[in-house]
Amino acid sequence: MTVNVVAGKGFKDPLTELAKNFSNETEIPINLIFTSYKKIVNFAECCDVIIAPIRYELFSVSPILILKLSNLIRDCRPFLRRVPVIVARSDSNISSLEDLKGKRLALINPEMHPISGGCLGIRIIEKSCIEANVIYSLPTDLVKDVLSGKADATILWRDSIDEERLKIIPIDDYAMDVYVATLSEKEEAKKFVDYLFANIDVFIKRGWSGLIE
């Protein structure tokens, strides 16, 4: 029996890898749906597993909380922590959010590029009242602009950075805690959830942090 799994778009690469491996090992098909956290609740009636935050104030979303209040969740377990980071050149004197004041900050314009997490940097500097000189860049050019000197820094999720020449400063105050919620009684769904936790290193190697129950 197919297991339907809904998750945020940031999970696409590691979750696709794990779902493929799980299906190869168990012959249980996994149907993955990636969407925004604001739209996840729309899939509640047709999915078995949801991977999302209970609540994340920075993005004004509460997907798991909404499902809990609707009595649709049978089980919910803490899974991962996703941490935003300041990305600067290795020789930079930037070491905190406060240090971004007056600096050239490469960010995505969420109105021109409405991609998943595209508003991360803008929301953080607005919430923290940081007056930086914002330079709008293409999503694919943020790190390039930092390395070239066009910008002093950018803000991204830690799991999206694999460049060794960069200085990475975690912004723990805006970390997002992600949970795995089971909505059905399918044994196959429970097996897949157990498989996710048994293979959490796939996410940790990409820059996520594990949450302890």
N, C-alpha and C. Protein backbone atom coordinates (compact mmCIF):
# COMPACT_ATOMS: atom_id res chain seq x y z
N MET A 1 0.84 -1.19 0.00
CA MET A 1 0.00 0.00 0.00
C MET A 1 0.88 1.25 0.00
N THR A 2 0.57 2.20 -0.86
CA THR A 2 1.36 3.42 -1.00
C THR A 2 1.24 4.30 0.24
N VAL A 3 2.37 4.90 0.64
CA VAL A 3 2.39 5.85 1.75
C VAL A 3 2.54 7.25 1.17
N ASN A 4 1.59 8.12 1.49
CA ASN A 4 1.62 9.49 1.00
C ASN A 4 2.25 10.41 2.04
N VAL A 5 3.33 11.08 1.64
CA VAL A 5 4.10 11.91 2.56
C VAL A 5 4.13 13.35 2.03
N VAL A 6 3.78 14.29 2.89
CA VAL A 6 3.81 15.71 2.52
C VAL A 6 4.86 16.42 3.37
N ALA A 7 5.68 17.24 2.72
CA ALA A 7 6.75 17.93 3.44
C ALA A 7 7.04 19.27 2.79
N GLY A 8 7.77 20.12 3.51
CA GLY A 8 8.20 21.39 2.95
C GLY A 8 9.19 21.18 1.81
N LYS A 9 9.30 22.16 0.94
CA LYS A 9 10.14 22.02 -0.25
C LYS A 9 11.62 21.86 0.08
N GLY A 10 12.04 22.34 1.24
CA GLY A 10 13.44 22.22 1.63
C GLY A 10 13.89 20.79 1.90
N PHE A 11 12.92 19.87 2.01
CA PHE A 11 13.23 18.47 2.26
C PHE A 11 13.46 17.66 0.99
N LYS A 12 13.25 18.27 -0.15
CA LYS A 12 13.15 17.51 -1.40
C LYS A 12 14.31 16.54 -1.65
N ASP A 13 15.55 17.02 -1.63
CA ASP A 13 16.68 16.15 -1.98
C ASP A 13 16.90 15.01 -0.99
N PRO A 14 17.05 15.28 0.31
CA PRO A 14 17.29 14.16 1.23
C PRO A 14 16.10 13.23 1.37
N LEU A 15 14.89 13.76 1.33
CA LEU A 15 13.72 12.92 1.50
C LEU A 15 13.48 12.04 0.28
N THR A 16 13.77 12.57 -0.89
CA THR A 16 13.64 11.77 -2.12
C THR A 16 14.63 10.61 -2.09
N GLU A 17 15.84 10.88 -1.63
CA GLU A 17 16.86 9.84 -1.52
C GLU A 17 16.42 8.74 -0.55
N LEU A 18 15.92 9.14 0.62
CA LEU A 18 15.50 8.15 1.62
C LEU A 18 14.27 7.36 1.17
N ALA A 19 13.33 8.03 0.53
CA ALA A 19 12.12 7.35 0.06
C ALA A 19 12.46 6.30 -0.99
N LYS A 20 13.40 6.64 -1.86
CA LYS A 20 13.83 5.68 -2.89
C LYS A 20 14.49 4.47 -2.26
N ASN A 21 15.37 4.71 -1.30
CA ASN A 21 16.06 3.60 -0.62
C ASN A 21 15.07 2.73 0.15
N PHE A 22 14.12 3.36 0.82
CA PHE A 22 13.12 2.64 1.60
C PHE A 22 12.28 1.74 0.69
N SER A 23 11.85 2.28 -0.43
CA SER A 23 11.03 1.51 -1.37
C SER A 23 11.81 0.34 -1.96
N ASN A 24 13.08 0.56 -2.24
CA ASN A 24 13.92 -0.52 -2.78
C ASN A 24 14.08 -1.65 -1.76
N GLU A 25 14.17 -1.28 -0.48
CA GLU A 25 14.39 -2.27 0.57
C GLU A 25 13.11 -2.99 0.99
N THR A 26 11.98 -2.31 0.92
CA THR A 26 10.73 -2.87 1.46
C THR A 26 9.65 -3.17 0.42
N GLU A 27 9.84 -2.63 -0.80
CA GLU A 27 8.84 -2.72 -1.86
C GLU A 27 7.55 -1.99 -1.49
N ILE A 28 7.65 -1.03 -0.58
CA ILE A 28 6.52 -0.17 -0.23
C ILE A 28 6.69 1.16 -0.97
N PRO A 29 5.78 1.50 -1.87
CA PRO A 29 5.92 2.75 -2.62
C PRO A 29 5.63 3.98 -1.75
N ILE A 30 6.42 5.03 -1.96
CA ILE A 30 6.25 6.28 -1.24
C ILE A 30 5.90 7.37 -2.25
N ASN A 31 4.80 8.05 -2.01
CA ASN A 31 4.40 9.18 -2.86
C ASN A 31 4.73 10.46 -2.11
N LEU A 32 5.69 11.24 -2.64
CA LEU A 32 6.13 12.46 -1.98
C LEU A 32 5.47 13.69 -2.58
N ILE A 33 5.00 14.58 -1.72
CA ILE A 33 4.42 15.85 -2.13
C ILE A 33 5.17 16.95 -1.40
N PHE A 34 5.75 17.88 -2.16
CA PHE A 34 6.49 18.99 -1.54
C PHE A 34 5.73 20.29 -1.79
N THR A 35 5.47 21.01 -0.72
CA THR A 35 4.69 22.24 -0.84
C THR A 35 5.10 23.22 0.24
N SER A 36 4.50 24.39 0.26
CA SER A 36 4.81 25.38 1.29
C SER A 36 4.12 24.99 2.59
N TYR A 37 4.66 25.47 3.71
CA TYR A 37 4.08 25.12 5.00
C TYR A 37 2.67 25.70 5.16
N LYS A 38 2.38 26.79 4.46
CA LYS A 38 1.04 27.36 4.55
C LYS A 38 0.00 26.48 3.85
N LYS A 39 0.45 25.67 2.88
CA LYS A 39 -0.48 24.84 2.12
C LYS A 39 -0.54 23.39 2.59
N ILE A 40 0.35 23.01 3.50
CA ILE A 40 0.43 21.61 3.92
C ILE A 40 -0.89 21.10 4.49
N VAL A 41 -1.57 21.94 5.26
CA VAL A 41 -2.82 21.48 5.89
C VAL A 41 -3.88 21.09 4.86
N ASN A 42 -3.74 21.59 3.64
CA ASN A 42 -4.71 21.26 2.58
C ASN A 42 -4.62 19.80 2.15
N PHE A 43 -3.51 19.13 2.52
CA PHE A 43 -3.31 17.74 2.11
C PHE A 43 -3.63 16.75 3.23
N ALA A 44 -4.16 17.25 4.33
CA ALA A 44 -4.36 16.41 5.51
C ALA A 44 -5.26 15.20 5.24
N GLU A 45 -6.26 15.36 4.43
CA GLU A 45 -7.22 14.27 4.21
C GLU A 45 -6.68 13.17 3.31
N CYS A 46 -5.60 13.45 2.57
CA CYS A 46 -5.11 12.46 1.62
C CYS A 46 -3.70 11.97 1.94
N CYS A 47 -3.13 12.40 3.07
CA CYS A 47 -1.75 11.98 3.35
C CYS A 47 -1.67 11.15 4.62
N ASP A 48 -0.59 10.41 4.73
CA ASP A 48 -0.35 9.53 5.88
C ASP A 48 0.68 10.13 6.84
N VAL A 49 1.63 10.88 6.29
CA VAL A 49 2.71 11.45 7.09
C VAL A 49 2.95 12.90 6.65
N ILE A 50 3.11 13.78 7.63
CA ILE A 50 3.44 15.17 7.34
C ILE A 50 4.72 15.53 8.09
N ILE A 51 5.64 16.20 7.40
CA ILE A 51 6.89 16.65 8.01
C ILE A 51 6.89 18.17 7.95
N ALA A 52 6.79 18.80 9.13
CA ALA A 52 6.61 20.26 9.18
C ALA A 52 6.82 20.76 10.61
N PRO A 53 6.94 22.07 10.78
CA PRO A 53 7.02 22.61 12.14
C PRO A 53 5.65 22.64 12.81
N ILE A 54 5.63 22.55 14.13
CA ILE A 54 4.37 22.78 14.85
C ILE A 54 3.96 24.22 14.63
N ARG A 55 4.94 25.09 14.81
CA ARG A 55 4.71 26.53 14.61
C ARG A 55 6.04 27.19 14.30
N TYR A 56 6.04 28.12 13.36
CA TYR A 56 7.25 28.88 13.06
C TYR A 56 6.84 30.33 12.87
N GLU A 57 7.07 31.12 13.89
CA GLU A 57 6.55 32.49 13.92
C GLU A 57 7.15 33.37 12.83
N LEU A 58 8.40 33.14 12.47
CA LEU A 58 9.04 33.99 11.48
C LEU A 58 8.28 33.98 10.16
N PHE A 59 7.74 32.82 9.78
CA PHE A 59 6.97 32.69 8.54
C PHE A 59 5.46 32.74 8.79
N SER A 60 5.07 32.92 10.04
CA SER A 60 3.64 32.97 10.42
C SER A 60 2.89 31.72 9.97
N VAL A 61 3.48 30.55 10.25
CA VAL A 61 2.84 29.28 9.89
C VAL A 61 2.73 28.39 11.14
N SER A 62 1.66 27.59 11.17
CA SER A 62 1.44 26.66 12.30
C SER A 62 0.82 25.36 11.79
N PRO A 63 1.45 24.68 10.82
CA PRO A 63 0.80 23.52 10.19
C PRO A 63 0.47 22.37 11.14
N ILE A 64 1.42 21.94 11.95
CA ILE A 64 1.16 20.82 12.85
C ILE A 64 0.17 21.22 13.94
N LEU A 65 0.27 22.44 14.44
CA LEU A 65 -0.65 22.93 15.46
C LEU A 65 -2.09 22.92 14.95
N ILE A 66 -2.28 23.37 13.72
CA ILE A 66 -3.63 23.39 13.13
C ILE A 66 -4.19 21.97 13.05
N LEU A 67 -3.36 21.02 12.62
CA LEU A 67 -3.81 19.64 12.49
C LEU A 67 -4.08 19.01 13.86
N LYS A 68 -3.28 19.39 14.85
CA LYS A 68 -3.51 18.88 16.21
C LYS A 68 -4.85 19.37 16.74
N LEU A 69 -5.13 20.65 16.55
CA LEU A 69 -6.38 21.23 17.03
C LEU A 69 -7.59 20.63 16.32
N SER A 70 -7.35 20.09 15.12
CA SER A 70 -8.43 19.44 14.36
C SER A 70 -8.51 17.95 14.66
N ASN A 71 -7.69 17.48 15.60
CA ASN A 71 -7.67 16.06 16.00
C ASN A 71 -7.37 15.12 14.83
N LEU A 72 -6.47 15.55 13.95
CA LEU A 72 -6.14 14.73 12.78
C LEU A 72 -4.83 13.97 12.95
N ILE A 73 -4.09 14.26 14.01
CA ILE A 73 -2.77 13.64 14.19
C ILE A 73 -2.85 12.50 15.20
N ARG A 74 -2.32 11.35 14.79
CA ARG A 74 -2.31 10.17 15.66
C ARG A 74 -1.01 10.08 16.46
N ASP A 75 0.07 10.56 15.87
CA ASP A 75 1.36 10.53 16.56
C ASP A 75 2.21 11.68 16.02
N CYS A 76 3.03 12.29 16.90
CA CYS A 76 3.87 13.40 16.47
C CYS A 76 5.19 13.34 17.23
N ARG A 77 6.30 13.33 16.47
CA ARG A 77 7.62 13.19 17.09
C ARG A 77 8.57 14.28 16.61
N PRO A 78 9.36 14.87 17.53
CA PRO A 78 10.36 15.86 17.10
C PRO A 78 11.42 15.20 16.22
N PHE A 79 11.80 15.88 15.16
CA PHE A 79 12.67 15.25 14.17
C PHE A 79 13.96 16.03 13.92
N LEU A 80 13.85 17.24 13.39
CA LEU A 80 15.03 17.99 12.98
C LEU A 80 14.92 19.47 13.35
N ARG A 81 16.07 20.09 13.44
CA ARG A 81 16.13 21.55 13.61
C ARG A 81 16.84 22.14 12.40
N ARG A 82 16.20 23.12 11.78
CA ARG A 82 16.78 23.80 10.62
C ARG A 82 17.23 25.20 11.06
N VAL A 83 18.50 25.48 10.88
CA VAL A 83 19.06 26.71 11.42
C VAL A 83 19.45 27.67 10.29
N PRO A 84 18.97 28.92 10.34
CA PRO A 84 19.44 29.92 9.39
C PRO A 84 20.83 30.41 9.80
N VAL A 85 21.62 30.81 8.82
CA VAL A 85 22.99 31.25 9.11
C VAL A 85 23.34 32.50 8.32
N ILE A 86 24.24 33.28 8.90
CA ILE A 86 24.87 34.38 8.17
C ILE A 86 26.04 33.78 7.42
N VAL A 87 26.15 34.09 6.16
CA VAL A 87 27.25 33.58 5.33
C VAL A 87 28.12 34.76 4.91
N ALA A 88 29.39 34.72 5.29
CA ALA A 88 30.32 35.80 4.95
C ALA A 88 31.63 35.19 4.46
N ARG A 89 32.52 36.04 3.95
CA ARG A 89 33.83 35.55 3.53
C ARG A 89 34.64 35.15 4.77
N SER A 90 35.57 34.25 4.60
CA SER A 90 36.32 33.71 5.73
C SER A 90 37.12 34.76 6.49
N ASP A 91 37.51 35.86 5.82
CA ASP A 91 38.28 36.91 6.47
C ASP A 91 37.40 38.05 7.01
N SER A 92 36.09 37.85 7.01
CA SER A 92 35.16 38.89 7.45
C SER A 92 35.19 39.07 8.97
N ASN A 93 34.90 40.30 9.43
CA ASN A 93 34.79 40.56 10.86
C ASN A 93 33.35 40.42 11.37
N ILE A 94 32.48 39.95 10.50
CA ILE A 94 31.08 39.73 10.89
C ILE A 94 30.99 38.47 11.75
N SER A 95 30.34 38.58 12.90
CA SER A 95 30.20 37.41 13.78
C SER A 95 28.83 37.32 14.43
N SER A 96 27.92 38.26 14.09
CA SER A 96 26.58 38.24 14.68
C SER A 96 25.63 39.05 13.81
N LEU A 97 24.34 38.98 14.13
CA LEU A 97 23.35 39.77 13.40
C LEU A 97 23.63 41.26 13.55
N GLU A 98 24.04 41.69 14.74
CA GLU A 98 24.32 43.10 14.98
C GLU A 98 25.40 43.62 14.04
N ASP A 99 26.32 42.76 13.67
CA ASP A 99 27.43 43.17 12.80
C ASP A 99 26.98 43.44 11.37
N LEU A 100 25.73 43.09 11.04
CA LEU A 100 25.22 43.31 9.68
C LEU A 100 24.75 44.75 9.48
N LYS A 101 24.66 45.51 10.56
CA LYS A 101 24.21 46.90 10.43
C LYS A 101 25.16 47.69 9.55
N GLY A 102 24.59 48.28 8.49
CA GLY A 102 25.38 49.08 7.57
C GLY A 102 26.13 48.27 6.53
N LYS A 103 26.10 46.94 6.62
CA LYS A 103 26.81 46.08 5.67
C LYS A 103 25.96 45.84 4.43
N ARG A 104 26.64 45.45 3.35
CA ARG A 104 25.95 45.09 2.10
C ARG A 104 25.48 43.64 2.23
N LEU A 105 24.18 43.46 2.21
CA LEU A 105 23.59 42.14 2.46
C LEU A 105 22.86 41.64 1.23
N ALA A 106 23.35 40.56 0.64
CA ALA A 106 22.71 39.97 -0.55
C ALA A 106 21.51 39.14 -0.11
N LEU A 107 20.33 39.48 -0.61
CA LEU A 107 19.10 38.77 -0.25
C LEU A 107 18.24 38.56 -1.48
N ILE A 108 17.29 37.65 -1.34
CA ILE A 108 16.32 37.39 -2.41
C ILE A 108 15.15 38.35 -2.25
N ASN A 109 14.70 38.90 -3.35
CA ASN A 109 13.46 39.69 -3.33
C ASN A 109 12.30 38.71 -3.43
N PRO A 110 11.58 38.45 -2.32
CA PRO A 110 10.53 37.42 -2.33
C PRO A 110 9.37 37.73 -3.27
N GLU A 111 9.20 39.00 -3.61
CA GLU A 111 8.12 39.34 -4.54
C GLU A 111 8.48 38.98 -5.97
N MET A 112 9.76 39.10 -6.31
CA MET A 112 10.20 38.74 -7.66
C MET A 112 10.52 37.26 -7.78
N HIS A 113 10.95 36.65 -6.66
CA HIS A 113 11.31 35.23 -6.66
C HIS A 113 10.59 34.53 -5.51
N PRO A 114 9.31 34.23 -5.69
CA PRO A 114 8.51 33.62 -4.62
C PRO A 114 8.81 32.13 -4.43
N ILE A 115 10.06 31.84 -4.02
CA ILE A 115 10.48 30.46 -3.84
C ILE A 115 10.40 30.09 -2.36
N SER A 116 10.46 28.81 -2.07
CA SER A 116 10.41 28.34 -0.70
C SER A 116 11.55 28.93 0.13
N GLY A 117 11.21 29.58 1.23
CA GLY A 117 12.24 30.17 2.10
C GLY A 117 12.87 31.43 1.55
N GLY A 118 12.36 31.95 0.45
CA GLY A 118 12.94 33.13 -0.18
C GLY A 118 12.87 34.38 0.68
N CYS A 119 11.93 34.38 1.64
CA CYS A 119 11.78 35.56 2.49
C CYS A 119 12.59 35.45 3.78
N LEU A 120 13.38 34.39 3.93
CA LEU A 120 14.11 34.14 5.18
C LEU A 120 14.95 35.33 5.62
N GLY A 121 15.86 35.77 4.75
CA GLY A 121 16.75 36.86 5.12
C GLY A 121 16.02 38.16 5.42
N ILE A 122 15.06 38.51 4.57
CA ILE A 122 14.28 39.73 4.76
C ILE A 122 13.54 39.70 6.09
N ARG A 123 12.90 38.57 6.39
CA ARG A 123 12.14 38.46 7.64
C ARG A 123 13.05 38.59 8.86
N ILE A 124 14.23 38.00 8.80
CA ILE A 124 15.14 38.03 9.95
C ILE A 124 15.65 39.45 10.21
N ILE A 125 16.06 40.17 9.18
CA ILE A 125 16.57 41.52 9.44
C ILE A 125 15.44 42.47 9.84
N GLU A 126 14.24 42.24 9.33
CA GLU A 126 13.11 43.06 9.74
C GLU A 126 12.75 42.80 11.20
N LYS A 127 12.69 41.52 11.56
CA LYS A 127 12.33 41.14 12.93
C LYS A 127 13.39 41.60 13.92
N SER A 128 14.65 41.61 13.50
CA SER A 128 15.76 41.99 14.38
C SER A 128 16.09 43.48 14.30
N CYS A 129 15.32 44.21 13.46
CA CYS A 129 15.54 45.66 13.29
C CYS A 129 16.98 45.98 12.87
N ILE A 130 17.48 45.19 11.92
CA ILE A 130 18.83 45.40 11.39
C ILE A 130 18.75 46.28 10.14
N GLU A 131 19.41 47.43 10.17
CA GLU A 131 19.43 48.33 9.01
C GLU A 131 20.68 48.05 8.18
N ALA A 132 20.52 47.15 7.23
CA ALA A 132 21.62 46.79 6.33
C ALA A 132 21.36 47.39 4.95
N ASN A 133 22.40 47.43 4.14
CA ASN A 133 22.25 47.87 2.76
C ASN A 133 21.92 46.64 1.91
N VAL A 134 20.64 46.44 1.66
CA VAL A 134 20.19 45.23 0.98
C VAL A 134 20.47 45.30 -0.52
N ILE A 135 21.10 44.25 -1.01
CA ILE A 135 21.34 44.09 -2.45
C ILE A 135 20.52 42.89 -2.89
N TYR A 136 19.53 43.10 -3.74
CA TYR A 136 18.73 41.97 -4.20
C TYR A 136 19.48 41.19 -5.27
N SER A 137 19.56 39.87 -5.04
CA SER A 137 20.30 38.99 -5.95
C SER A 137 19.40 37.84 -6.39
N LEU A 138 19.82 37.18 -7.44
CA LEU A 138 19.14 35.95 -7.84
C LEU A 138 19.42 34.88 -6.79
N PRO A 139 18.49 33.96 -6.57
CA PRO A 139 18.71 32.90 -5.57
C PRO A 139 20.01 32.14 -5.79
N THR A 140 20.40 31.96 -7.04
CA THR A 140 21.62 31.21 -7.35
C THR A 140 22.89 32.05 -7.21
N ASP A 141 22.74 33.38 -7.00
CA ASP A 141 23.91 34.27 -6.96
C ASP A 141 24.26 34.77 -5.57
N LEU A 142 23.52 34.38 -4.55
CA LEU A 142 23.76 34.92 -3.21
C LEU A 142 25.18 34.66 -2.73
N VAL A 143 25.61 33.41 -2.79
CA VAL A 143 26.95 33.06 -2.32
C VAL A 143 28.01 33.65 -3.27
N LYS A 144 27.73 33.63 -4.56
CA LYS A 144 28.67 34.21 -5.53
C LYS A 144 28.92 35.68 -5.24
N ASP A 145 27.86 36.41 -4.88
CA ASP A 145 28.00 37.84 -4.60
C ASP A 145 28.84 38.08 -3.35
N VAL A 146 28.75 37.18 -2.39
CA VAL A 146 29.58 37.29 -1.18
C VAL A 146 31.04 37.01 -1.52
N LEU A 147 31.29 35.93 -2.23
CA LEU A 147 32.66 35.55 -2.57
C LEU A 147 33.34 36.58 -3.48
N SER A 148 32.57 37.21 -4.37
CA SER A 148 33.14 38.18 -5.30
C SER A 148 33.40 39.54 -4.65
N GLY A 149 32.80 39.77 -3.47
CA GLY A 149 32.95 41.05 -2.80
C GLY A 149 31.84 42.03 -3.10
N LYS A 150 30.90 41.65 -3.94
CA LYS A 150 29.76 42.52 -4.24
C LYS A 150 28.92 42.74 -2.99
N ALA A 151 28.84 41.72 -2.15
CA ALA A 151 28.10 41.81 -0.88
C ALA A 151 29.02 41.36 0.25
N ASP A 152 28.73 41.86 1.45
CA ASP A 152 29.51 41.46 2.63
C ASP A 152 29.01 40.15 3.23
N ALA A 153 27.73 39.87 3.04
CA ALA A 153 27.15 38.67 3.64
C ALA A 153 25.80 38.36 3.01
N THR A 154 25.27 37.20 3.34
CA THR A 154 23.90 36.83 2.98
C THR A 154 23.35 35.97 4.12
N ILE A 155 22.08 35.64 4.05
CA ILE A 155 21.45 34.79 5.06
C ILE A 155 20.75 33.63 4.34
N LEU A 156 21.10 32.41 4.74
CA LEU A 156 20.55 31.22 4.12
C LEU A 156 20.31 30.16 5.19
N TRP A 157 19.64 29.07 4.80
CA TRP A 157 19.55 27.91 5.69
C TRP A 157 20.90 27.19 5.68
N ARG A 158 21.30 26.67 6.83
CA ARG A 158 22.60 26.00 6.95
C ARG A 158 22.72 24.82 5.98
N ASP A 159 21.64 24.10 5.76
CA ASP A 159 21.70 22.91 4.91
C ASP A 159 21.86 23.23 3.43
N SER A 160 21.78 24.51 3.08
CA SER A 160 21.94 24.88 1.66
C SER A 160 23.36 25.34 1.35
N ILE A 161 24.26 25.30 2.35
CA ILE A 161 25.63 25.79 2.19
C ILE A 161 26.62 24.63 2.22
N ASP A 162 27.45 24.52 1.19
CA ASP A 162 28.51 23.51 1.18
C ASP A 162 29.83 24.10 0.70
N GLU A 163 29.96 25.41 0.75
CA GLU A 163 31.16 26.11 0.28
C GLU A 163 32.15 26.26 1.42
N GLU A 164 33.34 25.69 1.29
CA GLU A 164 34.33 25.68 2.37
C GLU A 164 35.01 27.04 2.58
N ARG A 165 34.95 27.91 1.60
CA ARG A 165 35.67 29.18 1.71
C ARG A 165 34.87 30.24 2.47
N LEU A 166 33.78 29.85 3.10
CA LEU A 166 32.89 30.80 3.73
C LEU A 166 32.91 30.72 5.25
N LYS A 167 32.57 31.80 5.88
CA LYS A 167 32.39 31.86 7.33
C LYS A 167 30.90 31.70 7.62
N ILE A 168 30.56 30.76 8.45
CA ILE A 168 29.16 30.43 8.73
C ILE A 168 28.84 30.79 10.18
N ILE A 169 27.87 31.68 10.38
CA ILE A 169 27.48 32.10 11.73
C ILE A 169 26.01 31.72 11.97
N PRO A 170 25.74 30.74 12.82
CA PRO A 170 24.36 30.31 13.08
C PRO A 170 23.52 31.43 13.72
N ILE A 171 22.25 31.49 13.34
CA ILE A 171 21.31 32.42 13.96
C ILE A 171 20.29 31.55 14.71
N ASP A 172 20.69 31.07 15.87
CA ASP A 172 19.90 30.08 16.60
C ASP A 172 18.54 30.60 17.05
N ASP A 173 18.42 31.92 17.25
CA ASP A 173 17.14 32.47 17.71
C ASP A 173 16.02 32.26 16.69
N TYR A 174 16.38 32.02 15.45
CA TYR A 174 15.37 31.82 14.41
C TYR A 174 15.38 30.40 13.85
N ALA A 175 15.89 29.47 14.62
CA ALA A 175 15.88 28.06 14.19
C ALA A 175 14.45 27.55 14.10
N MET A 176 14.23 26.64 13.17
CA MET A 176 12.90 26.05 12.97
C MET A 176 12.93 24.57 13.36
N ASP A 177 12.11 24.19 14.33
CA ASP A 177 12.02 22.80 14.76
C ASP A 177 10.95 22.07 13.96
N VAL A 178 11.34 20.96 13.38
CA VAL A 178 10.47 20.22 12.47
C VAL A 178 10.07 18.88 13.11
N TYR A 179 8.82 18.51 12.93
CA TYR A 179 8.27 17.29 13.52
C TYR A 179 7.74 16.36 12.43
N VAL A 180 7.66 15.08 12.76
CA VAL A 180 7.05 14.09 11.87
C VAL A 180 5.71 13.70 12.49
N ALA A 181 4.64 13.99 11.79
CA ALA A 181 3.30 13.68 12.27
C ALA A 181 2.69 12.57 11.43
N THR A 182 2.14 11.57 12.11
CA THR A 182 1.47 10.46 11.43
C THR A 182 -0.03 10.67 11.52
N LEU A 183 -0.70 10.59 10.37
CA LEU A 183 -2.14 10.86 10.33
C LEU A 183 -2.98 9.63 10.06
N SER A 184 -2.35 8.51 9.74
CA SER A 184 -3.11 7.30 9.42
C SER A 184 -2.62 6.13 10.27
N GLU A 185 -3.37 5.04 10.20
CA GLU A 185 -3.02 3.83 10.96
C GLU A 185 -2.25 2.82 10.09
N LYS A 186 -1.88 3.22 8.90
CA LYS A 186 -1.18 2.29 8.01
C LYS A 186 0.13 1.82 8.65
N GLU A 187 0.33 0.53 8.66
CA GLU A 187 1.59 -0.02 9.17
C GLU A 187 2.75 0.43 8.30
N GLU A 188 2.49 0.58 7.01
CA GLU A 188 3.54 1.02 6.08
C GLU A 188 4.02 2.43 6.44
N ALA A 189 3.07 3.29 6.87
CA ALA A 189 3.44 4.66 7.25
C ALA A 189 4.32 4.65 8.49
N LYS A 190 3.98 3.80 9.45
CA LYS A 190 4.78 3.70 10.67
C LYS A 190 6.19 3.19 10.35
N LYS A 191 6.28 2.25 9.42
CA LYS A 191 7.58 1.73 9.03
C LYS A 191 8.44 2.82 8.39
N PHE A 192 7.80 3.65 7.56
CA PHE A 192 8.56 4.71 6.90
C PHE A 192 9.04 5.75 7.91
N VAL A 193 8.19 6.08 8.87
CA VAL A 193 8.59 7.04 9.91
C VAL A 193 9.78 6.49 10.70
N ASP A 194 9.72 5.22 11.08
CA ASP A 194 10.84 4.60 11.79
C ASP A 194 12.10 4.63 10.95
N TYR A 195 11.95 4.44 9.65
CA TYR A 195 13.08 4.46 8.73
C TYR A 195 13.71 5.86 8.68
N LEU A 196 12.88 6.89 8.70
CA LEU A 196 13.39 8.26 8.70
C LEU A 196 14.28 8.52 9.92
N PHE A 197 13.80 8.10 11.08
CA PHE A 197 14.56 8.33 12.31
C PHE A 197 15.84 7.48 12.35
N ALA A 198 15.76 6.29 11.79
CA ALA A 198 16.94 5.42 11.76
C ALA A 198 18.01 5.95 10.81
N ASN A 199 17.59 6.78 9.87
CA ASN A 199 18.52 7.31 8.87
C ASN A 199 18.62 8.83 8.95
N ILE A 200 18.48 9.37 10.13
CA ILE A 200 18.49 10.83 10.31
C ILE A 200 19.84 11.44 9.91
N ASP A 201 20.89 10.62 9.89
CA ASP A 201 22.22 11.11 9.50
C ASP A 201 22.24 11.67 8.08
N VAL A 202 21.33 11.20 7.23
CA VAL A 202 21.26 11.72 5.87
C VAL A 202 20.99 13.22 5.90
N PHE A 203 20.16 13.66 6.85
CA PHE A 203 19.86 15.08 7.00
C PHE A 203 20.99 15.81 7.73
N ILE A 204 21.51 15.19 8.77
CA ILE A 204 22.54 15.83 9.58
C ILE A 204 23.79 16.12 8.75
N LYS A 205 24.13 15.21 7.84
CA LYS A 205 25.29 15.42 6.97
C LYS A 205 25.10 16.62 6.04
N ARG A 206 23.85 16.99 5.83
CA ARG A 206 23.55 18.13 4.94
C ARG A 206 23.41 19.44 5.70
N GLY A 207 23.61 19.40 7.02
CA GLY A 207 23.57 20.64 7.79
C GLY A 207 22.40 20.80 8.73
N TRP A 208 21.50 19.82 8.75
CA TRP A 208 20.40 19.87 9.72
C TRP A 208 20.92 19.39 11.07
N SER A 209 20.16 19.65 12.14
CA SER A 209 20.48 19.14 13.47
C SER A 209 19.34 18.25 13.92
N GLY A 210 19.68 17.20 14.66
CA GLY A 210 18.65 16.29 15.16
C GLY A 210 18.01 16.83 16.42
N LEU A 211 16.71 16.59 16.59
CA LEU A 211 16.00 16.97 17.80
C LEU A 211 15.86 15.74 18.70
N ILE A 212 16.03 15.94 19.99
CA ILE A 212 15.92 14.82 20.94
C ILE A 212 14.54 14.85 21.59
N GLU A 213 13.89 13.69 21.61
CA GLU A 213 12.55 13.61 22.22
C GLU A 213 12.67 13.81 23.73
